[in-house]
Amino acid sequence: MKNVFVTLLQLVCFLVVFAAFSFFPPMNLQHVVGATSDGTRVFIWDGLLISALLFVVILAFEAARKRIGTSGVWTTVGFVLAIAIGLAVKLGFKTISSF
């Protein structure tokens, strides 16, 4: 039960970081997805990359504590679910007006 609770907390943490750095990108790394009649559709990589960096840092702490075998799986589940939810709600996607 404790593992599920910690996984849910990590999922929320990853999702908040993904959303925050997608709306307020510090590096503004963009990839053009396509053009529409409203403008150009881009994906901002900052939120996804910083979430991945946070994931690696958490795994490093778990490895240092020698808990990577048990906690690493739960952390990975939280990260994958957070990224899946974030992409499903289109975090990081932005339309830049063409006029």
PDB file of N, CA and C in Angstrom:
ATOM      1  N   MET A   1       0.818  -1.188   0.000  1.00  0.00           N
ATOM      2  CA  MET A   1       0.000   0.000   0.000  1.00  0.00           C
ATOM      3  C   MET A   1       0.870   1.264   0.000  1.00  0.00           C
ATOM      4  N   LYS A   2       1.975   1.204   0.735  1.00  0.00           N
ATOM      5  CA  LYS A   2       2.888   2.344   0.793  1.00  0.00           C
ATOM      6  C   LYS A   2       3.498   2.624  -0.584  1.00  0.00           C
ATOM      7  N   ASN A   3       3.834   1.567  -1.311  1.00  0.00           N
ATOM      8  CA  ASN A   3       4.419   1.737  -2.643  1.00  0.00           C
ATOM      9  C   ASN A   3       3.442   2.408  -3.602  1.00  0.00           C
ATOM     10  N   VAL A   4       2.178   2.059  -3.502  1.00  0.00           N
ATOM     11  CA  VAL A   4       1.166   2.654  -4.377  1.00  0.00           C
ATOM     12  C   VAL A   4       1.013   4.146  -4.051  1.00  0.00           C
ATOM     13  N   PHE A   5       1.011   4.489  -2.773  1.00  0.00           N
ATOM     14  CA  PHE A   5       0.890   5.888  -2.359  1.00  0.00           C
ATOM     15  C   PHE A   5       2.093   6.702  -2.839  1.00  0.00           C
ATOM     16  N   VAL A   6       3.283   6.177  -2.675  1.00  0.00           N
ATOM     17  CA  VAL A   6       4.498   6.878  -3.131  1.00  0.00           C
ATOM     18  C   VAL A   6       4.496   7.009  -4.654  1.00  0.00           C
ATOM     19  N   THR A   7       4.026   5.989  -5.353  1.00  0.00           N
ATOM     20  CA  THR A   7       3.942   6.044  -6.812  1.00  0.00           C
ATOM     21  C   THR A   7       2.965   7.125  -7.260  1.00  0.00           C
ATOM     22  N   LEU A   8       1.838   7.243  -6.582  1.00  0.00           N
ATOM     23  CA  LEU A   8       0.883   8.296  -6.920  1.00  0.00           C
ATOM     24  C   LEU A   8       1.461   9.686  -6.663  1.00  0.00           C
ATOM     25  N   LEU A   9       2.216   9.839  -5.574  1.00  0.00           N
ATOM     26  CA  LEU A   9       2.872  11.114  -5.301  1.00  0.00           C
ATOM     27  C   LEU A   9       3.906  11.444  -6.378  1.00  0.00           C
ATOM     28  N   GLN A  10       4.672  10.441  -6.787  1.00  0.00           N
ATOM     29  CA  GLN A  10       5.656  10.664  -7.843  1.00  0.00           C
ATOM     30  C   GLN A  10       4.970  10.980  -9.164  1.00  0.00           C
ATOM     31  N   LEU A  11       3.862  10.313  -9.462  1.00  0.00           N
ATOM     32  CA  LEU A  11       3.108  10.583 -10.679  1.00  0.00           C
ATOM     33  C   LEU A  11       2.660  12.044 -10.696  1.00  0.00           C
ATOM     34  N   VAL A  12       2.121  12.517  -9.580  1.00  0.00           N
ATOM     35  CA  VAL A  12       1.688  13.917  -9.494  1.00  0.00           C
ATOM     36  C   VAL A  12       2.890  14.849  -9.645  1.00  0.00           C
ATOM     37  N   CYS A  13       4.005  14.515  -9.018  1.00  0.00           N
ATOM     38  CA  CYS A  13       5.213  15.334  -9.104  1.00  0.00           C
ATOM     39  C   CYS A  13       5.712  15.423 -10.548  1.00  0.00           C
ATOM     40  N   PHE A  14       5.808  14.287 -11.229  1.00  0.00           N
ATOM     41  CA  PHE A  14       6.250  14.281 -12.626  1.00  0.00           C
ATOM     42  C   PHE A  14       5.281  15.064 -13.507  1.00  0.00           C
ATOM     43  N   LEU A  15       3.992  14.921 -13.261  1.00  0.00           N
ATOM     44  CA  LEU A  15       2.983  15.599 -14.066  1.00  0.00           C
ATOM     45  C   LEU A  15       3.033  17.114 -13.845  1.00  0.00           C
ATOM     46  N   VAL A  16       3.226  17.543 -12.601  1.00  0.00           N
ATOM     47  CA  VAL A  16       3.325  18.975 -12.305  1.00  0.00           C
ATOM     48  C   VAL A  16       4.571  19.573 -12.955  1.00  0.00           C
ATOM     49  N   VAL A  17       5.687  18.865 -12.884  1.00  0.00           N
ATOM     50  CA  VAL A  17       6.922  19.357 -13.515  1.00  0.00           C
ATOM     51  C   VAL A  17       6.754  19.423 -15.026  1.00  0.00           C
ATOM     52  N   PHE A  18       6.146  18.396 -15.605  1.00  0.00           N
ATOM     53  CA  PHE A  18       5.900  18.366 -17.050  1.00  0.00           C
ATOM     54  C   PHE A  18       5.029  19.556 -17.457  1.00  0.00           C
ATOM     55  N   ALA A  19       3.962  19.810 -16.711  1.00  0.00           N
ATOM     56  CA  ALA A  19       3.058  20.908 -17.041  1.00  0.00           C
ATOM     57  C   ALA A  19       3.723  22.264 -16.834  1.00  0.00           C
ATOM     58  N   ALA A  20       4.404  22.435 -15.719  1.00  0.00           N
ATOM     59  CA  ALA A  20       5.012  23.729 -15.405  1.00  0.00           C
ATOM     60  C   ALA A  20       6.047  24.134 -16.445  1.00  0.00           C
ATOM     61  N   PHE A  21       6.903  23.204 -16.831  1.00  0.00           N
ATOM     62  CA  PHE A  21       7.947  23.548 -17.781  1.00  0.00           C
ATOM     63  C   PHE A  21       7.474  23.478 -19.225  1.00  0.00           C
ATOM     64  N   SER A  22       6.256  22.982 -19.456  1.00  0.00           N
ATOM     65  CA  SER A  22       5.665  23.084 -20.788  1.00  0.00           C
ATOM     66  C   SER A  22       5.038  24.460 -20.984  1.00  0.00           C
ATOM     67  N   PHE A  23       4.447  25.017 -19.906  1.00  0.00           N
ATOM     68  CA  PHE A  23       3.834  26.337 -19.998  1.00  0.00           C
ATOM     69  C   PHE A  23       4.852  27.460 -19.863  1.00  0.00           C
ATOM     70  N   PHE A  24       5.899  27.247 -19.086  1.00  0.00           N
ATOM     71  CA  PHE A  24       6.936  28.252 -18.868  1.00  0.00           C
ATOM     72  C   PHE A  24       8.307  27.662 -19.203  1.00  0.00           C
ATOM     73  N   PRO A  25       8.597  27.484 -20.500  1.00  0.00           N
ATOM     74  CA  PRO A  25       9.837  26.812 -20.905  1.00  0.00           C
ATOM     75  C   PRO A  25      11.080  27.672 -20.699  1.00  0.00           C
ATOM     76  N   PRO A  26      12.033  27.202 -19.893  1.00  0.00           N
ATOM     77  CA  PRO A  26      13.260  27.979 -19.691  1.00  0.00           C
ATOM     78  C   PRO A  26      14.211  27.926 -20.891  1.00  0.00           C
ATOM     79  N   MET A  27      14.252  26.802 -21.602  1.00  0.00           N
ATOM     80  CA  MET A  27      15.169  26.657 -22.730  1.00  0.00           C
ATOM     81  C   MET A  27      14.478  26.880 -24.064  1.00  0.00           C
ATOM     82  N   ASN A  28      13.154  26.748 -24.084  1.00  0.00           N
ATOM     83  CA  ASN A  28      12.317  26.944 -25.262  1.00  0.00           C
ATOM     84  C   ASN A  28      12.758  26.070 -26.440  1.00  0.00           C
ATOM     85  N   LEU A  29      12.968  24.796 -26.180  1.00  0.00           N
ATOM     86  CA  LEU A  29      13.302  23.839 -27.233  1.00  0.00           C
ATOM     87  C   LEU A  29      12.010  23.428 -27.927  1.00  0.00           C
ATOM     88  N   GLN A  30      11.892  23.740 -29.209  1.00  0.00           N
ATOM     89  CA  GLN A  30      10.660  23.479 -29.948  1.00  0.00           C
ATOM     90  C   GLN A  30      10.920  22.597 -31.147  1.00  0.00           C
ATOM     91  N   HIS A  31       9.892  21.831 -31.493  1.00  0.00           N
ATOM     92  CA  HIS A  31       9.925  20.991 -32.683  1.00  0.00           C
ATOM     93  C   HIS A  31       8.630  21.243 -33.441  1.00  0.00           C
ATOM     94  N   VAL A  32       8.727  21.593 -34.709  1.00  0.00           N
ATOM     95  CA  VAL A  32       7.540  21.863 -35.509  1.00  0.00           C
ATOM     96  C   VAL A  32       6.864  20.530 -35.836  1.00  0.00           C
ATOM     97  N   VAL A  33       5.583  20.444 -35.460  1.00  0.00           N
ATOM     98  CA  VAL A  33       4.809  19.229 -35.707  1.00  0.00           C
ATOM     99  C   VAL A  33       4.105  19.329 -37.048  1.00  0.00           C
ATOM    100  N   GLY A  34       3.540  20.483 -37.337  1.00  0.00           N
ATOM    101  CA  GLY A  34       2.839  20.661 -38.598  1.00  0.00           C
ATOM    102  C   GLY A  34       2.254  22.047 -38.700  1.00  0.00           C
ATOM    103  N   ALA A  35       1.674  22.328 -39.861  1.00  0.00           N
ATOM    104  CA  ALA A  35       1.043  23.620 -40.089  1.00  0.00           C
ATOM    105  C   ALA A  35      -0.456  23.416 -40.244  1.00  0.00           C
ATOM    106  N   THR A  36      -1.214  24.322 -39.649  1.00  0.00           N
ATOM    107  CA  THR A  36      -2.666  24.306 -39.779  1.00  0.00           C
ATOM    108  C   THR A  36      -3.099  25.653 -40.337  1.00  0.00           C
ATOM    109  N   SER A  37      -4.391  25.796 -40.547  1.00  0.00           N
ATOM    110  CA  SER A  37      -4.890  27.082 -41.041  1.00  0.00           C
ATOM    111  C   SER A  37      -4.788  28.173 -39.969  1.00  0.00           C
ATOM    112  N   ASP A  38      -4.723  27.754 -38.703  1.00  0.00           N
ATOM    113  CA  ASP A  38      -4.605  28.710 -37.595  1.00  0.00           C
ATOM    114  C   ASP A  38      -3.168  29.143 -37.347  1.00  0.00           C
ATOM    115  N   GLY A  39      -2.218  28.370 -37.784  1.00  0.00           N
ATOM    116  CA  GLY A  39      -0.813  28.696 -37.566  1.00  0.00           C
ATOM    117  C   GLY A  39       0.043  27.444 -37.568  1.00  0.00           C
ATOM    118  N   THR A  40       1.200  27.553 -36.967  1.00  0.00           N
ATOM    119  CA  THR A  40       2.144  26.445 -36.908  1.00  0.00           C
ATOM    120  C   THR A  40       2.005  25.719 -35.571  1.00  0.00           C
ATOM    121  N   ARG A  41       1.930  24.403 -35.604  1.00  0.00           N
ATOM    122  CA  ARG A  41       1.802  23.582 -34.402  1.00  0.00           C
ATOM    123  C   ARG A  41       3.196  23.110 -34.002  1.00  0.00           C
ATOM    124  N   VAL A  42       3.606  23.388 -32.744  1.00  0.00           N
ATOM    125  CA  VAL A  42       4.929  22.997 -32.261  1.00  0.00           C
ATOM    126  C   VAL A  42       4.787  22.193 -30.972  1.00  0.00           C
ATOM    127  N   PHE A  43       5.810  21.405 -30.685  1.00  0.00           N
ATOM    128  CA  PHE A  43       5.895  20.696 -29.415  1.00  0.00           C
ATOM    129  C   PHE A  43       7.076  21.280 -28.650  1.00  0.00           C
ATOM    130  N   ILE A  44       6.829  21.679 -27.405  1.00  0.00           N
ATOM    131  CA  ILE A  44       7.875  22.249 -26.557  1.00  0.00           C
ATOM    132  C   ILE A  44       8.441  21.127 -25.702  1.00  0.00           C
ATOM    133  N   TRP A  45       9.732  20.843 -25.872  1.00  0.00           N
ATOM    134  CA  TRP A  45      10.387  19.702 -25.242  1.00  0.00           C
ATOM    135  C   TRP A  45      10.779  19.923 -23.782  1.00  0.00           C
ATOM    136  N   ASP A  46      10.784  21.136 -23.298  1.00  0.00           N
ATOM    137  CA  ASP A  46      11.325  21.448 -21.973  1.00  0.00           C
ATOM    138  C   ASP A  46      10.674  20.635 -20.851  1.00  0.00           C
ATOM    139  N   GLY A  47       9.348  20.565 -20.836  1.00  0.00           N
ATOM    140  CA  GLY A  47       8.654  19.842 -19.772  1.00  0.00           C
ATOM    141  C   GLY A  47       8.986  18.364 -19.762  1.00  0.00           C
ATOM    142  N   LEU A  48       9.016  17.759 -20.934  1.00  0.00           N
ATOM    143  CA  LEU A  48       9.327  16.333 -21.036  1.00  0.00           C
ATOM    144  C   LEU A  48      10.770  16.042 -20.633  1.00  0.00           C
ATOM    145  N   LEU A  49      11.696  16.879 -21.080  1.00  0.00           N
ATOM    146  CA  LEU A  49      13.111  16.654 -20.767  1.00  0.00           C
ATOM    147  C   LEU A  49      13.420  16.869 -19.290  1.00  0.00           C
ATOM    148  N   ILE A  50      12.824  17.892 -18.687  1.00  0.00           N
ATOM    149  CA  ILE A  50      13.082  18.143 -17.270  1.00  0.00           C
ATOM    150  C   ILE A  50      12.423  17.076 -16.410  1.00  0.00           C
ATOM    151  N   SER A  51      11.263  16.558 -16.836  1.00  0.00           N
ATOM    152  CA  SER A  51      10.647  15.422 -16.131  1.00  0.00           C
ATOM    153  C   SER A  51      11.542  14.188 -16.213  1.00  0.00           C
ATOM    154  N   ALA A  52      12.126  13.956 -17.376  1.00  0.00           N
ATOM    155  CA  ALA A  52      13.037  12.825 -17.534  1.00  0.00           C
ATOM    156  C   ALA A  52      14.289  12.997 -16.676  1.00  0.00           C
ATOM    157  N   LEU A  53      14.785  14.219 -16.576  1.00  0.00           N
ATOM    158  CA  LEU A  53      15.935  14.496 -15.714  1.00  0.00           C
ATOM    159  C   LEU A  53      15.587  14.234 -14.245  1.00  0.00           C
ATOM    160  N   LEU A  54      14.403  14.653 -13.824  1.00  0.00           N
ATOM    161  CA  LEU A  54      13.938  14.379 -12.459  1.00  0.00           C
ATOM    162  C   LEU A  54      13.832  12.880 -12.218  1.00  0.00           C
ATOM    163  N   PHE A  55      13.346  12.145 -13.212  1.00  0.00           N
ATOM    164  CA  PHE A  55      13.253  10.679 -13.123  1.00  0.00           C
ATOM    165  C   PHE A  55      14.635  10.060 -12.908  1.00  0.00           C
ATOM    166  N   VAL A  56      15.624  10.514 -13.657  1.00  0.00           N
ATOM    167  CA  VAL A  56      16.990   9.988 -13.529  1.00  0.00           C
ATOM    168  C   VAL A  56      17.568  10.318 -12.153  1.00  0.00           C
ATOM    169  N   VAL A  57      17.305  11.520 -11.654  1.00  0.00           N
ATOM    170  CA  VAL A  57      17.802  11.915 -10.329  1.00  0.00           C
ATOM    171  C   VAL A  57      17.179  11.044  -9.241  1.00  0.00           C
ATOM    172  N   ILE A  58      15.878  10.798  -9.334  1.00  0.00           N
ATOM    173  CA  ILE A  58      15.215   9.936  -8.342  1.00  0.00           C
ATOM    174  C   ILE A  58      15.775   8.522  -8.410  1.00  0.00           C
ATOM    175  N   LEU A  59      15.986   8.003  -9.617  1.00  0.00           N
ATOM    176  CA  LEU A  59      16.573   6.662  -9.751  1.00  0.00           C
ATOM    177  C   LEU A  59      17.993   6.616  -9.190  1.00  0.00           C
ATOM    178  N   ALA A  60      18.745   7.698  -9.340  1.00  0.00           N
ATOM    179  CA  ALA A  60      20.101   7.741  -8.785  1.00  0.00           C
ATOM    180  C   ALA A  60      20.070   7.687  -7.259  1.00  0.00           C
ATOM    181  N   PHE A  61      19.125   8.415  -6.649  1.00  0.00           N
ATOM    182  CA  PHE A  61      18.982   8.343  -5.190  1.00  0.00           C
ATOM    183  C   PHE A  61      18.583   6.940  -4.745  1.00  0.00           C
ATOM    184  N   GLU A  62      17.678   6.311  -5.493  1.00  0.00           N
ATOM    185  CA  GLU A  62      17.263   4.951  -5.143  1.00  0.00           C
ATOM    186  C   GLU A  62      18.412   3.970  -5.314  1.00  0.00           C
ATOM    187  N   ALA A  63      19.232   4.170  -6.315  1.00  0.00           N
ATOM    188  CA  ALA A  63      20.392   3.299  -6.509  1.00  0.00           C
ATOM    189  C   ALA A  63      21.411   3.499  -5.402  1.00  0.00           C
ATOM    190  N   ALA A  64      21.597   4.742  -4.976  1.00  0.00           N
ATOM    191  CA  ALA A  64      22.539   5.016  -3.890  1.00  0.00           C
ATOM    192  C   ALA A  64      22.074   4.393  -2.578  1.00  0.00           C
ATOM    193  N   ARG A  65      20.780   4.318  -2.385  1.00  0.00           N
ATOM    194  CA  ARG A  65      20.228   3.715  -1.171  1.00  0.00           C
ATOM    195  C   ARG A  65      20.047   2.200  -1.303  1.00  0.00           C
ATOM    196  N   LYS A  66      20.417   1.666  -2.479  1.00  0.00           N
ATOM    197  CA  LYS A  66      20.308   0.235  -2.777  1.00  0.00           C
ATOM    198  C   LYS A  66      18.857  -0.250  -2.719  1.00  0.00           C
ATOM    199  N   ARG A  67      17.941   0.607  -3.183  1.00  0.00           N
ATOM    200  CA  ARG A  67      16.515   0.289  -3.234  1.00  0.00           C
ATOM    201  C   ARG A  67      16.015   0.258  -4.671  1.00  0.00           C
ATOM    202  N   ILE A  68      16.935   0.244  -5.629  1.00  0.00           N
ATOM    203  CA  ILE A  68      16.562   0.336  -7.029  1.00  0.00           C
ATOM    204  C   ILE A  68      15.755  -0.893  -7.479  1.00  0.00           C
ATOM    205  N   GLY A  69      15.992  -2.034  -6.874  1.00  0.00           N
ATOM    206  CA  GLY A  69      15.277  -3.246  -7.266  1.00  0.00           C
ATOM    207  C   GLY A  69      13.798  -3.193  -6.961  1.00  0.00           C
ATOM    208  N   THR A  70      13.436  -2.590  -5.855  1.00  0.00           N
ATOM    209  CA  THR A  70      12.021  -2.521  -5.483  1.00  0.00           C
ATOM    210  C   THR A  70      11.402  -1.171  -5.842  1.00  0.00           C
ATOM    211  N   SER A  71      12.058  -0.099  -5.488  1.00  0.00           N
ATOM    212  CA  SER A  71      11.491   1.234  -5.707  1.00  0.00           C
ATOM    213  C   SER A  71      11.608   1.690  -7.163  1.00  0.00           C
ATOM    214  N   GLY A  72      12.604   1.214  -7.873  1.00  0.00           N
ATOM    215  CA  GLY A  72      12.811   1.636  -9.253  1.00  0.00           C
ATOM    216  C   GLY A  72      11.659   1.280 -10.162  1.00  0.00           C
ATOM    217  N   VAL A  73      11.072   0.126  -9.930  1.00  0.00           N
ATOM    218  CA  VAL A  73       9.930  -0.308 -10.747  1.00  0.00           C
ATOM    219  C   VAL A  73       8.742   0.624 -10.520  1.00  0.00           C
ATOM    220  N   TRP A  74       8.475   0.947  -9.261  1.00  0.00           N
ATOM    221  CA  TRP A  74       7.351   1.824  -8.931  1.00  0.00           C
ATOM    222  C   TRP A  74       7.583   3.244  -9.461  1.00  0.00           C
ATOM    223  N   THR A  75       8.806   3.718  -9.398  1.00  0.00           N
ATOM    224  CA  THR A  75       9.131   5.041  -9.929  1.00  0.00           C
ATOM    225  C   THR A  75       8.945   5.069 -11.441  1.00  0.00           C
ATOM    226  N   THR A  76       9.340   4.008 -12.107  1.00  0.00           N
ATOM    227  CA  THR A  76       9.176   3.918 -13.559  1.00  0.00           C
ATOM    228  C   THR A  76       7.700   3.906 -13.940  1.00  0.00           C
ATOM    229  N   VAL A  77       6.900   3.198 -13.177  1.00  0.00           N
ATOM    230  CA  VAL A  77       5.453   3.174 -13.433  1.00  0.00           C
ATOM    231  C   VAL A  77       4.872   4.576 -13.289  1.00  0.00           C
ATOM    232  N   GLY A  78       5.256   5.288 -12.236  1.00  0.00           N
ATOM    233  CA  GLY A  78       4.775   6.654 -12.037  1.00  0.00           C
ATOM    234  C   GLY A  78       5.196   7.583 -13.155  1.00  0.00           C
ATOM    235  N   PHE A  79       6.440   7.455 -13.603  1.00  0.00           N
ATOM    236  CA  PHE A  79       6.949   8.313 -14.682  1.00  0.00           C
ATOM    237  C   PHE A  79       6.221   8.033 -15.989  1.00  0.00           C
ATOM    238  N   VAL A  80       6.077   6.771 -16.340  1.00  0.00           N
ATOM    239  CA  VAL A  80       5.419   6.413 -17.606  1.00  0.00           C
ATOM    240  C   VAL A  80       3.960   6.864 -17.602  1.00  0.00           C
ATOM    241  N   LEU A  81       3.264   6.668 -16.486  1.00  0.00           N
ATOM    242  CA  LEU A  81       1.874   7.113 -16.405  1.00  0.00           C
ATOM    243  C   LEU A  81       1.760   8.629 -16.494  1.00  0.00           C
ATOM    244  N   ALA A  82       2.667   9.352 -15.849  1.00  0.00           N
ATOM    245  CA  ALA A  82       2.636  10.815 -15.894  1.00  0.00           C
ATOM    246  C   ALA A  82       2.872  11.328 -17.310  1.00  0.00           C
ATOM    247  N   ILE A  83       3.818  10.739 -17.999  1.00  0.00           N
ATOM    248  CA  ILE A  83       4.098  11.162 -19.374  1.00  0.00           C
ATOM    249  C   ILE A  83       2.924  10.810 -20.286  1.00  0.00           C
ATOM    250  N   ALA A  84       2.336   9.635 -20.099  1.00  0.00           N
ATOM    251  CA  ALA A  84       1.181   9.232 -20.909  1.00  0.00           C
ATOM    252  C   ALA A  84       0.003  10.176 -20.672  1.00  0.00           C
ATOM    253  N   ILE A  85      -0.261  10.522 -19.428  1.00  0.00           N
ATOM    254  CA  ILE A  85      -1.351  11.446 -19.112  1.00  0.00           C
ATOM    255  C   ILE A  85      -1.049  12.831 -19.672  1.00  0.00           C
ATOM    256  N   GLY A  86       0.188  13.286 -19.511  1.00  0.00           N
ATOM    257  CA  GLY A  86       0.570  14.599 -20.016  1.00  0.00           C
ATOM    258  C   GLY A  86       0.431  14.716 -21.526  1.00  0.00           C
ATOM    259  N   LEU A  87       0.843  13.695 -22.245  1.00  0.00           N
ATOM    260  CA  LEU A  87       0.723  13.723 -23.698  1.00  0.00           C
ATOM    261  C   LEU A  87      -0.728  13.553 -24.137  1.00  0.00           C
ATOM    262  N   ALA A  88      -1.526  12.816 -23.352  1.00  0.00           N
ATOM    263  CA  ALA A  88      -2.940  12.636 -23.678  1.00  0.00           C
ATOM    264  C   ALA A  88      -3.714  13.949 -23.564  1.00  0.00           C
ATOM    265  N   VAL A  89      -3.335  14.784 -22.605  1.00  0.00           N
ATOM    266  CA  VAL A  89      -3.996  16.087 -22.466  1.00  0.00           C
ATOM    267  C   VAL A  89      -3.261  17.176 -23.254  1.00  0.00           C
ATOM    268  N   LYS A  90      -2.310  16.758 -24.067  1.00  0.00           N
ATOM    269  CA  LYS A  90      -1.570  17.618 -24.994  1.00  0.00           C
ATOM    270  C   LYS A  90      -0.728  18.683 -24.306  1.00  0.00           C
ATOM    271  N   LEU A  91      -0.095  18.324 -23.199  1.00  0.00           N
ATOM    272  CA  LEU A  91       0.860  19.227 -22.569  1.00  0.00           C
ATOM    273  C   LEU A  91       2.074  19.349 -23.482  1.00  0.00           C
ATOM    274  N   GLY A  92       2.545  20.541 -23.668  1.00  0.00           N
ATOM    275  CA  GLY A  92       3.722  20.770 -24.498  1.00  0.00           C
ATOM    276  C   GLY A  92       3.396  21.143 -25.925  1.00  0.00           C
ATOM    277  N   PHE A  93       2.150  20.929 -26.357  1.00  0.00           N
ATOM    278  CA  PHE A  93       1.767  21.297 -27.712  1.00  0.00           C
ATOM    279  C   PHE A  93       1.261  22.733 -27.714  1.00  0.00           C
ATOM    280  N   LYS A  94       1.664  23.490 -28.741  1.00  0.00           N
ATOM    281  CA  LYS A  94       1.304  24.899 -28.826  1.00  0.00           C
ATOM    282  C   LYS A  94       1.101  25.278 -30.284  1.00  0.00           C
ATOM    283  N   THR A  95       0.103  26.108 -30.542  1.00  0.00           N
ATOM    284  CA  THR A  95      -0.120  26.635 -31.878  1.00  0.00           C
ATOM    285  C   THR A  95       0.354  28.078 -31.913  1.00  0.00           C
ATOM    286  N   ILE A  96       1.280  28.357 -32.805  1.00  0.00           N
ATOM    287  CA  ILE A  96       1.805  29.713 -32.971  1.00  0.00           C
ATOM    288  C   ILE A  96       1.055  30.356 -34.115  1.00  0.00           C
ATOM    289  N   SER A  97       0.399  31.461 -33.830  1.00  0.00           N
ATOM    290  CA  SER A  97      -0.428  32.150 -34.828  1.00  0.00           C
ATOM    291  C   SER A  97       0.432  32.624 -35.995  1.00  0.00           C
ATOM    292  N   SER A  98      -0.127  32.497 -37.173  1.00  0.00           N
ATOM    293  CA  SER A  98       0.638  32.849 -38.369  1.00  0.00           C
ATOM    294  C   SER A  98       0.453  34.303 -38.783  1.00  0.00           C
ATOM    295  N   PHE A  99      -0.402  35.055 -38.093  1.00  0.00           N
ATOM    296  CA  PHE A  99      -0.538  36.436 -38.479  1.00  0.00           C
ATOM    297  C   PHE A  99      -0.047  37.321 -37.437  1.00  0.00           C
TER     298      PHE A  99
END
